[in-house]
């Protein structure tokens, strides 16, 4: 049995002081997005910061706090991320929306997309 091969792409979104929304477009190569993970740099100040994925302005991953997408310490690298099943070979938009603006802290979030490469 041939082992699956993976590639990855990353997108970074940021909330500067007094901002509540940011988004970043990303082109995903051919394959299937099988998992996403997030790393948060900065202080969320216990705010809810919802992360969603859109394609052509349609939500394909519904908004949920970014902490639900943080990589955890369980299992393999792939198993430690949030599972998804989305087609590659197209553009997506990563969007974050904070429940409140911060007057003192900025936050940067990097999202990794694990892509199972197509078998030819």
Protein backbone atom coordinates (compact mmCIF):
# COMPACT_ATOMS: atom_id res chain seq x y z
CA UNK A 1 0.00 0.00 0.00
CA UNK A 2 1.43 3.35 -1.03
CA UNK A 3 1.73 5.90 1.74
CA UNK A 4 -0.04 9.24 1.16
CA UNK A 5 2.16 12.20 0.31
CA UNK A 6 1.47 15.62 1.76
CA UNK A 7 2.30 19.21 0.96
CA UNK A 8 1.42 22.33 2.89
CA UNK A 9 0.63 26.00 2.43
CA UNK A 10 0.39 28.72 5.04
CA UNK A 11 -1.57 31.92 5.40
CA UNK A 12 -1.10 34.61 8.04
CA UNK A 13 -3.81 36.92 9.35
CA UNK A 14 -3.35 39.69 11.92
CA UNK A 15 -5.40 41.91 14.17
CA UNK A 16 -3.66 45.17 14.91
CA UNK A 17 -4.65 47.33 17.86
CA UNK A 18 -8.29 48.46 17.50
CA UNK A 19 -9.02 46.02 14.62
CA UNK A 20 -11.59 43.22 14.71
CA UNK A 21 -11.42 41.69 11.19
CA UNK A 22 -8.71 40.48 8.82
CA UNK A 23 -8.57 38.05 5.93
CA UNK A 24 -5.97 36.58 3.61
CA UNK A 25 -6.44 34.85 0.28
CA UNK A 26 -4.46 31.69 -0.42
CA UNK A 27 -4.11 29.54 -3.53
CA UNK A 28 -4.16 25.86 -2.63
CA UNK A 29 -2.46 23.41 -5.02
CA UNK A 30 -4.16 20.31 -6.43
CA UNK A 31 -5.04 17.66 -3.89
CA UNK A 32 -7.32 17.48 -0.87
CA UNK A 33 -7.03 19.67 2.22
CA UNK A 34 -7.20 17.08 4.99
CA UNK A 35 -6.33 19.21 8.03
CA UNK A 36 -5.67 22.74 9.20
CA UNK A 37 -3.73 23.98 12.20
CA UNK A 38 -3.17 27.39 13.73
CA UNK A 39 -0.41 29.04 15.73
CA UNK A 40 -1.33 32.18 17.67
CA UNK A 41 1.33 34.82 18.34
CA UNK A 42 0.34 37.58 20.71
CA UNK A 43 -2.25 37.96 23.43
CA UNK A 44 -5.88 37.18 22.62
CA UNK A 45 -6.84 38.78 25.97
CA UNK A 46 -9.49 36.09 26.40
CA UNK A 47 -11.38 37.43 23.38
CA UNK A 48 -13.16 35.05 21.08
CA UNK A 49 -11.44 35.23 17.70
CA UNK A 50 -13.42 33.25 15.17
CA UNK A 51 -11.61 31.60 12.26
CA UNK A 52 -13.46 30.61 9.11
CA UNK A 53 -12.59 29.55 5.56
CA UNK A 54 -14.39 30.89 2.54
CA UNK A 55 -14.44 30.00 -1.12
CA UNK A 56 -16.08 32.47 -3.52
CA UNK A 57 -17.50 34.29 -0.44
CA UNK A 58 -19.21 31.09 0.76
CA UNK A 59 -18.25 29.61 4.12
CA UNK A 60 -16.72 26.15 3.73
CA UNK A 61 -15.50 26.01 7.35
CA UNK A 62 -17.90 27.73 9.71
CA UNK A 63 -16.60 30.30 12.22
CA UNK A 64 -15.28 28.88 15.48
CA UNK A 65 -12.75 30.21 17.96
CA UNK A 66 -9.24 29.85 16.56
CA UNK A 67 -8.18 27.90 19.68
CA UNK A 68 -10.24 24.95 18.38
CA UNK A 69 -7.84 24.86 15.41
CA UNK A 70 -4.60 25.12 17.39
CA UNK A 71 -2.25 22.21 16.86
CA UNK A 72 -2.30 19.92 19.91
CA UNK A 73 0.22 17.42 21.26
CA UNK A 74 -1.76 14.26 20.46
CA UNK A 75 -0.89 11.68 17.82
CA UNK A 76 1.13 12.31 14.68
CA UNK A 77 1.69 15.78 13.26
CA UNK A 78 -1.31 15.35 10.96
CA UNK A 79 -3.53 13.90 13.72
CA UNK A 80 -2.75 16.86 15.96
CA UNK A 81 -4.57 19.28 13.64
CA UNK A 82 -8.25 20.01 12.92
CA UNK A 83 -9.56 17.55 10.30
CA UNK A 84 -11.26 18.95 7.21
CA UNK A 85 -12.09 17.55 3.78
CA UNK A 86 -11.88 20.27 1.14
CA UNK A 87 -10.83 20.15 -2.50
CA UNK A 88 -7.56 21.77 -3.49
CA UNK A 89 -6.63 23.37 -6.77
CA UNK A 90 -8.52 26.54 -5.97
CA UNK A 91 -8.30 29.75 -3.95
CA UNK A 92 -9.62 30.10 -0.41
CA UNK A 93 -9.89 32.98 2.01
CA UNK A 94 -8.92 32.70 5.68
CA UNK A 95 -10.95 35.11 7.79
CA UNK A 96 -10.73 36.04 11.47
CA UNK A 97 -13.26 38.12 13.38
CA UNK A 98 -12.70 39.15 17.01
CA UNK A 99 -15.57 39.60 19.44
CA UNK A 100 -14.01 42.89 20.57
CA UNK A 101 -11.16 45.16 19.56
CA UNK A 102 -8.10 45.39 21.78
CA UNK A 103 -6.77 48.81 22.67
CA UNK A 104 -3.35 47.44 23.70
CA UNK A 105 -2.56 44.07 22.05
CA UNK A 106 -2.10 42.81 18.51
CA UNK A 107 -2.50 39.17 17.46
CA UNK A 108 -1.01 37.28 14.52
CA UNK A 109 -2.30 33.86 13.47
CA UNK A 110 -0.62 31.52 11.02
CA UNK A 111 -2.76 28.76 9.53
CA UNK A 112 -1.21 25.70 7.95
CA UNK A 113 -3.13 23.72 5.35
CA UNK A 114 -2.10 20.05 5.02
CA UNK A 115 -2.77 18.90 1.48
CA UNK A 116 -2.82 15.27 0.46
CA UNK A 117 -1.27 15.22 -2.99
CA UNK A 118 -3.19 13.51 -5.79
CA UNK A 119 -1.99 10.09 -6.90
CA UNK A 120 -1.25 9.84 -10.61
